[in-house]
Amino acid sequence: MVDRVYKASLPRLRTELERLRKDFSSLGPSKTDWTRLRIEPLLRHLDSLEQVLHSEEFSGEASRLRKGVVFFHSDLVYLGDNVKALKSLLKAERKSLKK
């Protein structure tokens, strides 16, 4: 169950990060390059997680993975919190540009 939720959440988080990358780039030059500073590293982290999930080695680990629920949860919380914070930053950046 956990691995299904985890596997389904990663593509959704990737989509949100890619949308944020596009939205931040459409703002134009900014003091902080959030794309390079946060979004790109998070996407690389997702790449590595997805690579492990689809590896042959991972497929044989189902019973042990159930014991590692806390690790799955922490990945999703980490990525979700970053996406939420980036959305907040994007909103603030848009607001400051309107002024």
N, C-alpha and C. Protein backbone atom coordinates (compact mmCIF):
# COMPACT_ATOMS: atom_id res chain seq x y z
N MET A 1 0.83 -1.20 0.00
CA MET A 1 0.00 0.00 0.00
C MET A 1 0.87 1.26 0.00
N VAL A 2 1.83 1.31 0.91
CA VAL A 2 2.67 2.49 1.03
C VAL A 2 3.45 2.73 -0.25
N ASP A 3 4.01 1.69 -0.81
CA ASP A 3 4.79 1.88 -2.02
C ASP A 3 3.93 2.36 -3.19
N ARG A 4 2.65 1.96 -3.23
CA ARG A 4 1.76 2.46 -4.29
C ARG A 4 1.50 3.95 -4.12
N VAL A 5 1.23 4.37 -2.89
CA VAL A 5 1.00 5.79 -2.62
C VAL A 5 2.25 6.58 -2.95
N TYR A 6 3.37 6.06 -2.53
CA TYR A 6 4.67 6.70 -2.77
C TYR A 6 4.92 6.83 -4.27
N LYS A 7 4.76 5.72 -4.98
CA LYS A 7 5.01 5.73 -6.42
C LYS A 7 4.05 6.66 -7.15
N ALA A 8 2.83 6.78 -6.68
CA ALA A 8 1.85 7.67 -7.32
C ALA A 8 2.13 9.13 -6.98
N SER A 9 2.68 9.39 -5.82
CA SER A 9 2.93 10.77 -5.38
C SER A 9 4.12 11.40 -6.09
N LEU A 10 5.12 10.62 -6.41
CA LEU A 10 6.32 11.19 -7.02
C LEU A 10 6.04 11.86 -8.37
N PRO A 11 5.29 11.24 -9.27
CA PRO A 11 4.99 11.93 -10.53
C PRO A 11 4.18 13.22 -10.33
N ARG A 12 3.27 13.21 -9.35
CA ARG A 12 2.48 14.41 -9.07
C ARG A 12 3.39 15.53 -8.57
N LEU A 13 4.31 15.19 -7.70
CA LEU A 13 5.25 16.19 -7.19
C LEU A 13 6.16 16.70 -8.31
N ARG A 14 6.57 15.81 -9.21
CA ARG A 14 7.40 16.22 -10.35
C ARG A 14 6.64 17.23 -11.22
N THR A 15 5.37 16.93 -11.48
CA THR A 15 4.54 17.83 -12.29
C THR A 15 4.45 19.21 -11.64
N GLU A 16 4.24 19.22 -10.33
CA GLU A 16 4.14 20.50 -9.61
C GLU A 16 5.45 21.26 -9.66
N LEU A 17 6.57 20.57 -9.48
CA LEU A 17 7.88 21.24 -9.54
C LEU A 17 8.17 21.77 -10.95
N GLU A 18 7.81 21.02 -11.96
CA GLU A 18 8.02 21.49 -13.33
C GLU A 18 7.15 22.70 -13.63
N ARG A 19 5.93 22.71 -13.11
CA ARG A 19 5.05 23.87 -13.28
C ARG A 19 5.64 25.08 -12.56
N LEU A 20 6.15 24.86 -11.36
CA LEU A 20 6.78 25.96 -10.61
C LEU A 20 8.01 26.49 -11.35
N ARG A 21 8.79 25.59 -11.93
CA ARG A 21 9.96 26.03 -12.70
C ARG A 21 9.53 26.94 -13.84
N LYS A 22 8.47 26.54 -14.54
CA LYS A 22 7.96 27.34 -15.65
C LYS A 22 7.42 28.68 -15.14
N ASP A 23 6.68 28.65 -14.04
CA ASP A 23 6.10 29.88 -13.49
C ASP A 23 7.17 30.85 -13.00
N PHE A 24 8.19 30.33 -12.33
CA PHE A 24 9.28 31.21 -11.88
C PHE A 24 10.04 31.79 -13.06
N SER A 25 10.24 31.00 -14.10
CA SER A 25 10.98 31.52 -15.26
C SER A 25 10.17 32.58 -16.00
N SER A 26 8.85 32.51 -15.93
CA SER A 26 8.03 33.51 -16.61
C SER A 26 8.01 34.85 -15.88
N LEU A 27 8.49 34.87 -14.64
CA LEU A 27 8.53 36.12 -13.88
C LEU A 27 9.65 37.05 -14.35
N GLY A 28 10.62 36.48 -15.01
CA GLY A 28 11.76 37.28 -15.43
C GLY A 28 12.85 37.27 -14.38
N PRO A 29 13.85 38.12 -14.56
CA PRO A 29 14.97 38.15 -13.61
C PRO A 29 14.51 38.50 -12.20
N SER A 30 15.12 37.86 -11.24
CA SER A 30 14.79 38.06 -9.84
C SER A 30 16.08 38.09 -9.03
N LYS A 31 15.99 38.60 -7.81
CA LYS A 31 17.16 38.62 -6.94
C LYS A 31 17.63 37.20 -6.64
N THR A 32 16.69 36.30 -6.46
CA THR A 32 17.02 34.91 -6.13
C THR A 32 16.53 33.99 -7.23
N ASP A 33 17.42 33.17 -7.72
CA ASP A 33 17.06 32.20 -8.76
C ASP A 33 16.56 30.93 -8.08
N TRP A 34 15.27 30.90 -7.76
CA TRP A 34 14.69 29.77 -7.04
C TRP A 34 14.74 28.50 -7.87
N THR A 35 14.72 28.65 -9.17
CA THR A 35 14.78 27.47 -10.03
C THR A 35 16.10 26.75 -9.81
N ARG A 36 17.18 27.49 -9.88
CA ARG A 36 18.50 26.87 -9.71
C ARG A 36 18.77 26.50 -8.26
N LEU A 37 18.29 27.31 -7.34
CA LEU A 37 18.58 27.11 -5.93
C LEU A 37 17.79 25.96 -5.31
N ARG A 38 16.51 25.79 -5.66
CA ARG A 38 15.67 24.78 -5.03
C ARG A 38 15.02 23.80 -5.99
N ILE A 39 14.44 24.30 -7.08
CA ILE A 39 13.65 23.43 -7.95
C ILE A 39 14.51 22.38 -8.64
N GLU A 40 15.61 22.79 -9.22
CA GLU A 40 16.48 21.83 -9.92
C GLU A 40 17.03 20.75 -8.97
N PRO A 41 17.51 21.11 -7.77
CA PRO A 41 17.96 20.06 -6.85
C PRO A 41 16.82 19.10 -6.43
N LEU A 42 15.63 19.63 -6.25
CA LEU A 42 14.49 18.77 -5.89
C LEU A 42 14.14 17.83 -7.04
N LEU A 43 14.21 18.32 -8.26
CA LEU A 43 13.95 17.46 -9.42
C LEU A 43 15.01 16.37 -9.54
N ARG A 44 16.27 16.71 -9.25
CA ARG A 44 17.33 15.69 -9.28
C ARG A 44 17.09 14.65 -8.19
N HIS A 45 16.63 15.09 -7.03
CA HIS A 45 16.30 14.16 -5.94
C HIS A 45 15.17 13.22 -6.38
N LEU A 46 14.16 13.77 -7.02
CA LEU A 46 13.07 12.94 -7.54
C LEU A 46 13.58 11.94 -8.57
N ASP A 47 14.49 12.40 -9.44
CA ASP A 47 15.08 11.49 -10.43
C ASP A 47 15.73 10.29 -9.76
N SER A 48 16.50 10.56 -8.71
CA SER A 48 17.19 9.45 -8.05
C SER A 48 16.20 8.52 -7.34
N LEU A 49 15.16 9.08 -6.72
CA LEU A 49 14.16 8.23 -6.07
C LEU A 49 13.44 7.36 -7.09
N GLU A 50 13.06 7.96 -8.21
CA GLU A 50 12.36 7.20 -9.25
C GLU A 50 13.26 6.13 -9.86
N GLN A 51 14.54 6.45 -9.99
CA GLN A 51 15.48 5.48 -10.54
C GLN A 51 15.56 4.25 -9.63
N VAL A 52 15.63 4.48 -8.34
CA VAL A 52 15.67 3.37 -7.38
C VAL A 52 14.36 2.59 -7.41
N LEU A 53 13.23 3.30 -7.46
CA LEU A 53 11.93 2.63 -7.46
C LEU A 53 11.76 1.68 -8.65
N HIS A 54 12.33 2.06 -9.77
CA HIS A 54 12.15 1.26 -10.98
C HIS A 54 13.29 0.26 -11.21
N SER A 55 14.21 0.20 -10.26
CA SER A 55 15.34 -0.72 -10.42
C SER A 55 14.92 -2.14 -10.07
N GLU A 56 15.67 -3.08 -10.59
CA GLU A 56 15.41 -4.49 -10.32
C GLU A 56 15.63 -4.79 -8.84
N GLU A 57 16.61 -4.15 -8.27
CA GLU A 57 16.96 -4.35 -6.86
C GLU A 57 15.79 -3.98 -5.95
N PHE A 58 15.10 -2.90 -6.27
CA PHE A 58 13.99 -2.42 -5.46
C PHE A 58 12.81 -3.38 -5.50
N SER A 59 12.55 -3.98 -6.65
CA SER A 59 11.37 -4.82 -6.80
C SER A 59 11.35 -6.02 -5.85
N GLY A 60 12.49 -6.49 -5.43
CA GLY A 60 12.55 -7.63 -4.53
C GLY A 60 12.54 -7.27 -3.06
N GLU A 61 12.35 -6.00 -2.76
CA GLU A 61 12.44 -5.52 -1.38
C GLU A 61 11.09 -5.26 -0.72
N ALA A 62 10.01 -5.71 -1.29
CA ALA A 62 8.68 -5.34 -0.81
C ALA A 62 8.46 -5.58 0.68
N SER A 63 8.86 -6.71 1.18
CA SER A 63 8.60 -6.99 2.60
C SER A 63 9.39 -6.06 3.50
N ARG A 64 10.62 -5.78 3.15
CA ARG A 64 11.41 -4.86 3.98
C ARG A 64 10.94 -3.42 3.83
N LEU A 65 10.39 -3.08 2.68
CA LEU A 65 9.92 -1.72 2.45
C LEU A 65 8.76 -1.38 3.37
N ARG A 66 7.94 -2.35 3.67
CA ARG A 66 6.81 -2.10 4.57
C ARG A 66 7.29 -1.68 5.95
N LYS A 67 8.46 -2.15 6.33
CA LYS A 67 9.05 -1.76 7.61
C LYS A 67 9.63 -0.35 7.55
N GLY A 68 9.86 0.15 6.36
CA GLY A 68 10.48 1.46 6.18
C GLY A 68 9.49 2.57 5.86
N VAL A 69 8.26 2.44 6.34
CA VAL A 69 7.21 3.41 6.06
C VAL A 69 7.65 4.83 6.43
N VAL A 70 8.36 4.96 7.52
CA VAL A 70 8.80 6.28 7.97
C VAL A 70 9.68 6.96 6.92
N PHE A 71 10.46 6.18 6.19
CA PHE A 71 11.32 6.76 5.16
C PHE A 71 10.51 7.26 3.97
N PHE A 72 9.52 6.48 3.56
CA PHE A 72 8.64 6.91 2.49
C PHE A 72 7.93 8.20 2.89
N HIS A 73 7.39 8.18 4.08
CA HIS A 73 6.65 9.34 4.58
C HIS A 73 7.55 10.58 4.63
N SER A 74 8.76 10.41 5.10
CA SER A 74 9.66 11.57 5.23
C SER A 74 10.02 12.15 3.86
N ASP A 75 10.19 11.30 2.85
CA ASP A 75 10.44 11.80 1.48
C ASP A 75 9.28 12.65 1.00
N LEU A 76 8.07 12.13 1.19
CA LEU A 76 6.89 12.84 0.71
C LEU A 76 6.67 14.15 1.48
N VAL A 77 6.92 14.14 2.77
CA VAL A 77 6.78 15.37 3.57
C VAL A 77 7.82 16.39 3.12
N TYR A 78 9.06 15.96 2.95
CA TYR A 78 10.14 16.84 2.52
C TYR A 78 9.81 17.49 1.17
N LEU A 79 9.44 16.68 0.21
CA LEU A 79 9.14 17.21 -1.12
C LEU A 79 7.88 18.08 -1.08
N GLY A 80 6.86 17.63 -0.38
CA GLY A 80 5.61 18.38 -0.29
C GLY A 80 5.81 19.73 0.39
N ASP A 81 6.59 19.76 1.47
CA ASP A 81 6.87 21.03 2.15
C ASP A 81 7.62 22.00 1.26
N ASN A 82 8.56 21.48 0.47
CA ASN A 82 9.30 22.34 -0.44
C ASN A 82 8.41 22.90 -1.53
N VAL A 83 7.52 22.07 -2.07
CA VAL A 83 6.59 22.53 -3.10
C VAL A 83 5.68 23.61 -2.52
N LYS A 84 5.18 23.39 -1.33
CA LYS A 84 4.31 24.36 -0.67
C LYS A 84 5.04 25.69 -0.45
N ALA A 85 6.26 25.62 0.02
CA ALA A 85 7.05 26.84 0.25
C ALA A 85 7.35 27.56 -1.06
N LEU A 86 7.64 26.82 -2.10
CA LEU A 86 7.91 27.43 -3.40
C LEU A 86 6.66 28.11 -3.96
N LYS A 87 5.51 27.50 -3.75
CA LYS A 87 4.26 28.13 -4.19
C LYS A 87 4.04 29.44 -3.45
N SER A 88 4.35 29.45 -2.18
CA SER A 88 4.22 30.67 -1.38
C SER A 88 5.18 31.75 -1.87
N LEU A 89 6.41 31.35 -2.18
CA LEU A 89 7.39 32.30 -2.71
C LEU A 89 6.94 32.86 -4.06
N LEU A 90 6.40 31.99 -4.90
CA LEU A 90 5.92 32.42 -6.21
C LEU A 90 4.80 33.45 -6.06
N LYS A 91 3.90 33.19 -5.15
CA LYS A 91 2.80 34.12 -4.89
C LYS A 91 3.35 35.47 -4.44
N ALA A 92 4.33 35.45 -3.53
CA ALA A 92 4.93 36.70 -3.04
C ALA A 92 5.68 37.42 -4.16
N GLU A 93 6.37 36.69 -5.00
CA GLU A 93 7.09 37.30 -6.13
C GLU A 93 6.11 37.96 -7.09
N ARG A 94 5.03 37.29 -7.38
CA ARG A 94 4.02 37.86 -8.28
C ARG A 94 3.42 39.12 -7.68
N LYS A 95 3.16 39.08 -6.40
CA LYS A 95 2.58 40.22 -5.70
C LYS A 95 3.52 41.42 -5.74
N SER A 96 4.80 41.17 -5.53
CA SER A 96 5.78 42.27 -5.54
C SER A 96 5.96 42.85 -6.94
N LEU A 97 5.79 42.03 -7.96
CA LEU A 97 5.90 42.54 -9.34
C LEU A 97 4.72 43.42 -9.72
N LYS A 98 3.57 43.17 -9.12
CA LYS A 98 2.38 43.96 -9.43
C LYS A 98 2.46 45.36 -8.84
N LYS A 99 3.28 45.52 -7.79
CA LYS A 99 3.38 46.82 -7.12
C LYS A 99 4.17 47.82 -7.91
